[in-house]
Amino acid sequence: IHEQTLTFVPKLLVIGIILVLTGGTMLQTLQ
């Protein structure tokens, strides 16, 4: 199965979850 959305959507979801979990720490480090 070679559907483009099968690669895009899971990556987008995983990156979103990681940003929600670690975004505060990343922001604090940058600040």
PDB file of all heavy atoms in Angstrom:
ATOM      1  N   ILE A   1       0.866  -1.179   0.000  1.00  0.00           N
ATOM      2  CA  ILE A   1       0.000   0.000   0.000  1.00  0.00           C
ATOM      3  C   ILE A   1       0.901   1.226   0.000  1.00  0.00           C
ATOM      4  O   ILE A   1       1.658   1.440   0.939  1.00  0.00           O
ATOM      5  CB  ILE A   1      -0.927   0.032   1.232  1.00  0.00           C
ATOM      6  CG1 ILE A   1      -1.829  -1.185   1.246  1.00  0.00           C
ATOM      7  CG2 ILE A   1      -1.740   1.312   1.257  1.00  0.00           C
ATOM      8  CD1 ILE A   1      -2.654  -1.315   2.510  1.00  0.00           C
ATOM      9  N   HIS A   2       0.837   2.031  -1.052  1.00  0.00           N
ATOM     10  CA  HIS A   2       1.713   3.196  -1.163  1.00  0.00           C
ATOM     11  C   HIS A   2       0.876   4.470  -1.210  1.00  0.00           C
ATOM     12  O   HIS A   2       0.766   5.137  -2.219  1.00  0.00           O
ATOM     13  CB  HIS A   2       2.596   3.077  -2.404  1.00  0.00           C
ATOM     14  CG  HIS A   2       3.512   1.903  -2.344  1.00  0.00           C
ATOM     15  ND1 HIS A   2       4.575   1.837  -1.486  1.00  0.00           N
ATOM     16  CD2 HIS A   2       3.497   0.720  -3.007  1.00  0.00           C
ATOM     17  CE1 HIS A   2       5.191   0.697  -1.627  1.00  0.00           C
ATOM     18  NE2 HIS A   2       4.548  -0.007  -2.554  1.00  0.00           N
ATOM     19  N   GLU A   3       0.312   4.796  -0.093  1.00  0.00           N
ATOM     20  CA  GLU A   3      -0.513   6.006   0.048  1.00  0.00           C
ATOM     21  C   GLU A   3       0.303   7.049   0.793  1.00  0.00           C
ATOM     22  O   GLU A   3       0.898   6.781   1.836  1.00  0.00           O
ATOM     23  CB  GLU A   3      -1.784   5.659   0.823  1.00  0.00           C
ATOM     24  CG  GLU A   3      -2.741   6.790   1.004  1.00  0.00           C
ATOM     25  CD  GLU A   3      -3.374   7.239  -0.302  1.00  0.00           C
ATOM     26  OE1 GLU A   3      -3.555   6.389  -1.199  1.00  0.00           O
ATOM     27  OE2 GLU A   3      -3.664   8.434  -0.418  1.00  0.00           O
ATOM     28  N   GLN A   4       0.346   8.276   0.271  1.00  0.00           N
ATOM     29  CA  GLN A   4       1.155   9.335   0.867  1.00  0.00           C
ATOM     30  C   GLN A   4       0.662   9.736   2.252  1.00  0.00           C
ATOM     31  O   GLN A   4       1.456  10.092   3.118  1.00  0.00           O
ATOM     32  CB  GLN A   4       1.165  10.558  -0.051  1.00  0.00           C
ATOM     33  CG  GLN A   4       1.926  10.348  -1.325  1.00  0.00           C
ATOM     34  CD  GLN A   4       3.408  10.113  -1.076  1.00  0.00           C
ATOM     35  OE1 GLN A   4       3.981  10.684  -0.149  1.00  0.00           O
ATOM     36  NE2 GLN A   4       4.017   9.267  -1.866  1.00  0.00           N
ATOM     37  N   THR A   5      -0.636   9.697   2.464  1.00  0.00           N
ATOM     38  CA  THR A   5      -1.162  10.127   3.765  1.00  0.00           C
ATOM     39  C   THR A   5      -0.808   9.139   4.871  1.00  0.00           C
ATOM     40  O   THR A   5      -0.813   9.513   6.043  1.00  0.00           O
ATOM     41  CB  THR A   5      -2.688  10.291   3.705  1.00  0.00           C
ATOM     42  OG1 THR A   5      -3.285   9.081   3.267  1.00  0.00           O
ATOM     43  CG2 THR A   5      -3.068  11.421   2.777  1.00  0.00           C
ATOM     44  N   LEU A   6      -0.477   7.911   4.510  1.00  0.00           N
ATOM     45  CA  LEU A   6      -0.096   6.931   5.530  1.00  0.00           C
ATOM     46  C   LEU A   6       1.245   7.277   6.173  1.00  0.00           C
ATOM     47  O   LEU A   6       1.518   6.840   7.288  1.00  0.00           O
ATOM     48  CB  LEU A   6      -0.031   5.522   4.936  1.00  0.00           C
ATOM     49  CG  LEU A   6      -1.374   4.888   4.611  1.00  0.00           C
ATOM     50  CD1 LEU A   6      -1.160   3.512   4.009  1.00  0.00           C
ATOM     51  CD2 LEU A   6      -2.253   4.788   5.840  1.00  0.00           C
ATOM     52  N   THR A   7       2.072   8.034   5.505  1.00  0.00           N
ATOM     53  CA  THR A   7       3.329   8.462   6.130  1.00  0.00           C
ATOM     54  C   THR A   7       3.186   9.815   6.810  1.00  0.00           C
ATOM     55  O   THR A   7       3.805  10.054   7.844  1.00  0.00           O
ATOM     56  CB  THR A   7       4.461   8.551   5.086  1.00  0.00           C
ATOM     57  OG1 THR A   7       4.090   9.470   4.074  1.00  0.00           O
ATOM     58  CG2 THR A   7       4.754   7.204   4.485  1.00  0.00           C
ATOM     59  N   PHE A   8       2.380  10.673   6.257  1.00  0.00           N
ATOM     60  CA  PHE A   8       2.276  12.045   6.757  1.00  0.00           C
ATOM     61  C   PHE A   8       1.511  12.129   8.078  1.00  0.00           C
ATOM     62  O   PHE A   8       1.967  12.755   9.036  1.00  0.00           O
ATOM     63  CB  PHE A   8       1.613  12.932   5.698  1.00  0.00           C
ATOM     64  CG  PHE A   8       1.454  14.356   6.126  1.00  0.00           C
ATOM     65  CD1 PHE A   8       2.554  15.180   6.208  1.00  0.00           C
ATOM     66  CD2 PHE A   8       0.210  14.856   6.456  1.00  0.00           C
ATOM     67  CE1 PHE A   8       2.418  16.499   6.608  1.00  0.00           C
ATOM     68  CE2 PHE A   8       0.063  16.160   6.854  1.00  0.00           C
ATOM     69  CZ  PHE A   8       1.171  16.984   6.934  1.00  0.00           C
ATOM     70  N   VAL A   9       0.355  11.499   8.134  1.00  0.00           N
ATOM     71  CA  VAL A   9      -0.524  11.634   9.307  1.00  0.00           C
ATOM     72  C   VAL A   9       0.105  11.047  10.577  1.00  0.00           C
ATOM     73  O   VAL A   9       0.099  11.715  11.625  1.00  0.00           O
ATOM     74  CB  VAL A   9      -1.921  11.039   9.012  1.00  0.00           C
ATOM     75  CG1 VAL A   9      -2.779  11.015  10.255  1.00  0.00           C
ATOM     76  CG2 VAL A   9      -2.597  11.817   7.905  1.00  0.00           C
ATOM     77  N   PRO A  10       0.660   9.827  10.556  1.00  0.00           N
ATOM     78  CA  PRO A  10       1.279   9.330  11.799  1.00  0.00           C
ATOM     79  C   PRO A  10       2.453  10.189  12.270  1.00  0.00           C
ATOM     80  O   PRO A  10       2.601  10.423  13.474  1.00  0.00           O
ATOM     81  CB  PRO A  10       1.758   7.922  11.426  1.00  0.00           C
ATOM     82  CG  PRO A  10       0.923   7.527  10.287  1.00  0.00           C
ATOM     83  CD  PRO A  10       0.626   8.776   9.539  1.00  0.00           C
ATOM     84  N   LYS A  11       3.281  10.665  11.337  1.00  0.00           N
ATOM     85  CA  LYS A  11       4.386  11.538  11.737  1.00  0.00           C
ATOM     86  C   LYS A  11       3.860  12.813  12.377  1.00  0.00           C
ATOM     87  O   LYS A  11       4.390  13.282  13.375  1.00  0.00           O
ATOM     88  CB  LYS A  11       5.244  11.903  10.522  1.00  0.00           C
ATOM     89  CG  LYS A  11       6.209  10.852  10.099  1.00  0.00           C
ATOM     90  CD  LYS A  11       7.169  11.470   9.101  1.00  0.00           C
ATOM     91  CE  LYS A  11       7.459  10.520   7.989  1.00  0.00           C
ATOM     92  NZ  LYS A  11       8.318  11.104   6.970  1.00  0.00           N
ATOM     93  N   LEU A  12       2.833  13.389  11.780  1.00  0.00           N
ATOM     94  CA  LEU A  12       2.243  14.609  12.310  1.00  0.00           C
ATOM     95  C   LEU A  12       1.690  14.383  13.721  1.00  0.00           C
ATOM     96  O   LEU A  12       1.901  15.205  14.623  1.00  0.00           O
ATOM     97  CB  LEU A  12       1.139  15.101  11.381  1.00  0.00           C
ATOM     98  CG  LEU A  12       0.492  16.433  11.705  1.00  0.00           C
ATOM     99  CD1 LEU A  12       1.518  17.549  11.559  1.00  0.00           C
ATOM    100  CD2 LEU A  12      -0.686  16.673  10.792  1.00  0.00           C
ATOM    101  N   LEU A  13       1.014  13.273  13.924  1.00  0.00           N
ATOM    102  CA  LEU A  13       0.460  12.967  15.248  1.00  0.00           C
ATOM    103  C   LEU A  13       1.562  12.749  16.279  1.00  0.00           C
ATOM    104  O   LEU A  13       1.482  13.262  17.406  1.00  0.00           O
ATOM    105  CB  LEU A  13      -0.446  11.741  15.167  1.00  0.00           C
ATOM    106  CG  LEU A  13      -1.759  11.927  14.424  1.00  0.00           C
ATOM    107  CD1 LEU A  13      -2.488  10.596  14.296  1.00  0.00           C
ATOM    108  CD2 LEU A  13      -2.631  12.954  15.114  1.00  0.00           C
ATOM    109  N   VAL A  14       2.594  11.994  15.910  1.00  0.00           N
ATOM    110  CA  VAL A  14       3.677  11.720  16.857  1.00  0.00           C
ATOM    111  C   VAL A  14       4.423  13.003  17.209  1.00  0.00           C
ATOM    112  O   VAL A  14       4.732  13.249  18.377  1.00  0.00           O
ATOM    113  CB  VAL A  14       4.641  10.655  16.278  1.00  0.00           C
ATOM    114  CG1 VAL A  14       5.910  10.556  17.087  1.00  0.00           C
ATOM    115  CG2 VAL A  14       3.950   9.307  16.226  1.00  0.00           C
ATOM    116  N   ILE A  15       4.707  13.841  16.219  1.00  0.00           N
ATOM    117  CA  ILE A  15       5.391  15.106  16.499  1.00  0.00           C
ATOM    118  C   ILE A  15       4.525  16.001  17.370  1.00  0.00           C
ATOM    119  O   ILE A  15       5.019  16.655  18.300  1.00  0.00           O
ATOM    120  CB  ILE A  15       5.783  15.801  15.179  1.00  0.00           C
ATOM    121  CG1 ILE A  15       6.918  15.032  14.521  1.00  0.00           C
ATOM    122  CG2 ILE A  15       6.200  17.245  15.426  1.00  0.00           C
ATOM    123  CD1 ILE A  15       7.280  15.531  13.146  1.00  0.00           C
ATOM    124  N   GLY A  16       3.227  16.030  17.113  1.00  0.00           N
ATOM    125  CA  GLY A  16       2.322  16.813  17.955  1.00  0.00           C
ATOM    126  C   GLY A  16       2.321  16.332  19.397  1.00  0.00           C
ATOM    127  O   GLY A  16       2.366  17.143  20.329  1.00  0.00           O
ATOM    128  N   ILE A  17       2.292  15.023  19.583  1.00  0.00           N
ATOM    129  CA  ILE A  17       2.306  14.459  20.941  1.00  0.00           C
ATOM    130  C   ILE A  17       3.616  14.792  21.649  1.00  0.00           C
ATOM    131  O   ILE A  17       3.628  15.180  22.822  1.00  0.00           O
ATOM    132  CB  ILE A  17       2.067  12.936  20.888  1.00  0.00           C
ATOM    133  CG1 ILE A  17       0.625  12.650  20.467  1.00  0.00           C
ATOM    134  CG2 ILE A  17       2.375  12.284  22.232  1.00  0.00           C
ATOM    135  CD1 ILE A  17       0.338  11.208  20.142  1.00  0.00           C
ATOM    136  N   ILE A  18       4.718  14.679  20.935  1.00  0.00           N
ATOM    137  CA  ILE A  18       6.018  14.986  21.538  1.00  0.00           C
ATOM    138  C   ILE A  18       6.106  16.460  21.910  1.00  0.00           C
ATOM    139  O   ILE A  18       6.604  16.808  22.982  1.00  0.00           O
ATOM    140  CB  ILE A  18       7.159  14.598  20.580  1.00  0.00           C
ATOM    141  CG1 ILE A  18       7.215  13.095  20.458  1.00  0.00           C
ATOM    142  CG2 ILE A  18       8.498  15.128  21.070  1.00  0.00           C
ATOM    143  CD1 ILE A  18       8.122  12.605  19.378  1.00  0.00           C
ATOM    144  N   LEU A  19       5.595  17.320  21.048  1.00  0.00           N
ATOM    145  CA  LEU A  19       5.618  18.755  21.370  1.00  0.00           C
ATOM    146  C   LEU A  19       4.741  19.079  22.567  1.00  0.00           C
ATOM    147  O   LEU A  19       5.076  19.948  23.376  1.00  0.00           O
ATOM    148  CB  LEU A  19       5.202  19.577  20.158  1.00  0.00           C
ATOM    149  CG  LEU A  19       6.256  19.721  19.065  1.00  0.00           C
ATOM    150  CD1 LEU A  19       5.676  20.467  17.876  1.00  0.00           C
ATOM    151  CD2 LEU A  19       7.477  20.430  19.597  1.00  0.00           C
ATOM    152  N   VAL A  20       3.621  18.403  22.690  1.00  0.00           N
ATOM    153  CA  VAL A  20       2.758  18.636  23.854  1.00  0.00           C
ATOM    154  C   VAL A  20       3.463  18.172  25.134  1.00  0.00           C
ATOM    155  O   VAL A  20       3.402  18.844  26.166  1.00  0.00           O
ATOM    156  CB  VAL A  20       1.400  17.910  23.672  1.00  0.00           C
ATOM    157  CG1 VAL A  20       0.640  17.833  24.975  1.00  0.00           C
ATOM    158  CG2 VAL A  20       0.572  18.612  22.611  1.00  0.00           C
ATOM    159  N   LEU A  21       4.157  17.034  25.054  1.00  0.00           N
ATOM    160  CA  LEU A  21       4.801  16.489  26.244  1.00  0.00           C
ATOM    161  C   LEU A  21       6.079  17.237  26.627  1.00  0.00           C
ATOM    162  O   LEU A  21       6.352  17.435  27.809  1.00  0.00           O
ATOM    163  CB  LEU A  21       5.118  15.007  26.039  1.00  0.00           C
ATOM    164  CG  LEU A  21       3.913  14.077  25.896  1.00  0.00           C
ATOM    165  CD1 LEU A  21       4.374  12.662  25.601  1.00  0.00           C
ATOM    166  CD2 LEU A  21       3.052  14.113  27.144  1.00  0.00           C
ATOM    167  N   THR A  22       6.869  17.645  25.636  1.00  0.00           N
ATOM    168  CA  THR A  22       8.165  18.245  25.940  1.00  0.00           C
ATOM    169  C   THR A  22       8.278  19.716  25.536  1.00  0.00           C
ATOM    170  O   THR A  22       9.343  20.304  25.693  1.00  0.00           O
ATOM    171  CB  THR A  22       9.298  17.469  25.235  1.00  0.00           C
ATOM    172  OG1 THR A  22       9.113  17.563  23.828  1.00  0.00           O
ATOM    173  CG2 THR A  22       9.329  16.025  25.676  1.00  0.00           C
ATOM    174  N   GLY A  23       7.220  20.286  25.026  1.00  0.00           N
ATOM    175  CA  GLY A  23       7.272  21.672  24.559  1.00  0.00           C
ATOM    176  C   GLY A  23       7.612  22.661  25.657  1.00  0.00           C
ATOM    177  O   GLY A  23       8.338  23.625  25.425  1.00  0.00           O
ATOM    178  N   GLY A  24       7.092  22.436  26.850  1.00  0.00           N
ATOM    179  CA  GLY A  24       7.377  23.342  27.968  1.00  0.00           C
ATOM    180  C   GLY A  24       8.849  23.365  28.336  1.00  0.00           C
ATOM    181  O   GLY A  24       9.434  24.424  28.582  1.00  0.00           O
ATOM    182  N   THR A  25       9.465  22.182  28.347  1.00  0.00           N
ATOM    183  CA  THR A  25      10.890  22.107  28.652  1.00  0.00           C
ATOM    184  C   THR A  25      11.726  22.742  27.554  1.00  0.00           C
ATOM    185  O   THR A  25      12.705  23.427  27.829  1.00  0.00           O
ATOM    186  CB  THR A  25      11.335  20.641  28.798  1.00  0.00           C
ATOM    187  OG1 THR A  25      10.257  19.848  29.262  1.00  0.00           O
ATOM    188  CG2 THR A  25      12.462  20.506  29.762  1.00  0.00           C
ATOM    189  N   MET A  26      11.309  22.507  26.309  1.00  0.00           N
ATOM    190  CA  MET A  26      12.029  23.121  25.186  1.00  0.00           C
ATOM    191  C   MET A  26      11.945  24.644  25.262  1.00  0.00           C
ATOM    192  O   MET A  26      12.948  25.342  25.062  1.00  0.00           O
ATOM    193  CB  MET A  26      11.457  22.641  23.856  1.00  0.00           C
ATOM    194  CG  MET A  26      11.747  21.222  23.526  1.00  0.00           C
ATOM    195  SD  MET A  26      10.950  20.822  21.967  1.00  0.00           S
ATOM    196  CE  MET A  26      11.594  19.206  21.661  1.00  0.00           C
ATOM    197  N   LEU A  27      10.773  25.151  25.558  1.00  0.00           N
ATOM    198  CA  LEU A  27      10.588  26.589  25.664  1.00  0.00           C
ATOM    199  C   LEU A  27      11.414  27.164  26.803  1.00  0.00           C
ATOM    200  O   LEU A  27      12.044  28.217  26.655  1.00  0.00           O
ATOM    201  CB  LEU A  27       9.108  26.924  25.852  1.00  0.00           C
ATOM    202  CG  LEU A  27       8.769  28.402  25.977  1.00  0.00           C
ATOM    203  CD1 LEU A  27       9.125  29.139  24.700  1.00  0.00           C
ATOM    204  CD2 LEU A  27       7.299  28.577  26.298  1.00  0.00           C
ATOM    205  N   GLN A  28      11.437  26.488  27.936  1.00  0.00           N
ATOM    206  CA  GLN A  28      12.219  26.965  29.082  1.00  0.00           C
ATOM    207  C   GLN A  28      13.705  26.996  28.757  1.00  0.00           C
ATOM    208  O   GLN A  28      14.409  27.953  29.099  1.00  0.00           O
ATOM    209  CB  GLN A  28      11.956  26.081  30.306  1.00  0.00           C
ATOM    210  CG  GLN A  28      12.602  26.587  31.572  1.00  0.00           C
ATOM    211  CD  GLN A  28      12.062  27.945  31.979  1.00  0.00           C
ATOM    212  OE1 GLN A  28      10.873  28.196  31.921  1.00  0.00           O
ATOM    213  NE2 GLN A  28      12.951  28.823  32.389  1.00  0.00           N
ATOM    214  N   THR A  29      14.197  25.966  28.072  1.00  0.00           N
ATOM    215  CA  THR A  29      15.605  25.918  27.680  1.00  0.00           C
ATOM    216  C   THR A  29      15.941  27.073  26.745  1.00  0.00           C
ATOM    217  O   THR A  29      16.965  27.741  26.901  1.00  0.00           O
ATOM    218  CB  THR A  29      15.909  24.583  26.983  1.00  0.00           C
ATOM    219  OG1 THR A  29      15.540  23.506  27.843  1.00  0.00           O
ATOM    220  CG2 THR A  29      17.373  24.466  26.634  1.00  0.00           C
ATOM    221  N   LEU A  30      15.076  27.316  25.770  1.00  0.00           N
ATOM    222  CA  LEU A  30      15.302  28.411  24.830  1.00  0.00           C
ATOM    223  C   LEU A  30      15.228  29.769  25.522  1.00  0.00           C
ATOM    224  O   LEU A  30      16.039  30.658  25.247  1.00  0.00           O
ATOM    225  CB  LEU A  30      14.279  28.328  23.695  1.00  0.00           C
ATOM    226  CG  LEU A  30      14.516  29.227  22.492  1.00  0.00           C
ATOM    227  CD1 LEU A  30      15.864  28.944  21.859  1.00  0.00           C
ATOM    228  CD2 LEU A  30      13.405  29.037  21.486  1.00  0.00           C
ATOM    229  N   GLN A  31      14.288  29.932  26.441  1.00  0.00           N
ATOM    230  CA  GLN A  31      14.189  31.192  27.181  1.00  0.00           C
ATOM    231  C   GLN A  31      15.430  31.442  28.030  1.00  0.00           C
ATOM    232  O   GLN A  31      15.916  32.577  28.102  1.00  0.00           O
ATOM    233  CB  GLN A  31      12.952  31.185  28.069  1.00  0.00           C
ATOM    234  CG  GLN A  31      11.663  31.390  27.324  1.00  0.00           C
ATOM    235  CD  GLN A  31      10.452  31.274  28.243  1.00  0.00           C
ATOM    236  OE1 GLN A  31      10.531  30.709  29.331  1.00  0.00           O
ATOM    237  NE2 GLN A  31       9.327  31.797  27.781  1.00  0.00           N
TER     238      GLN A  31
END
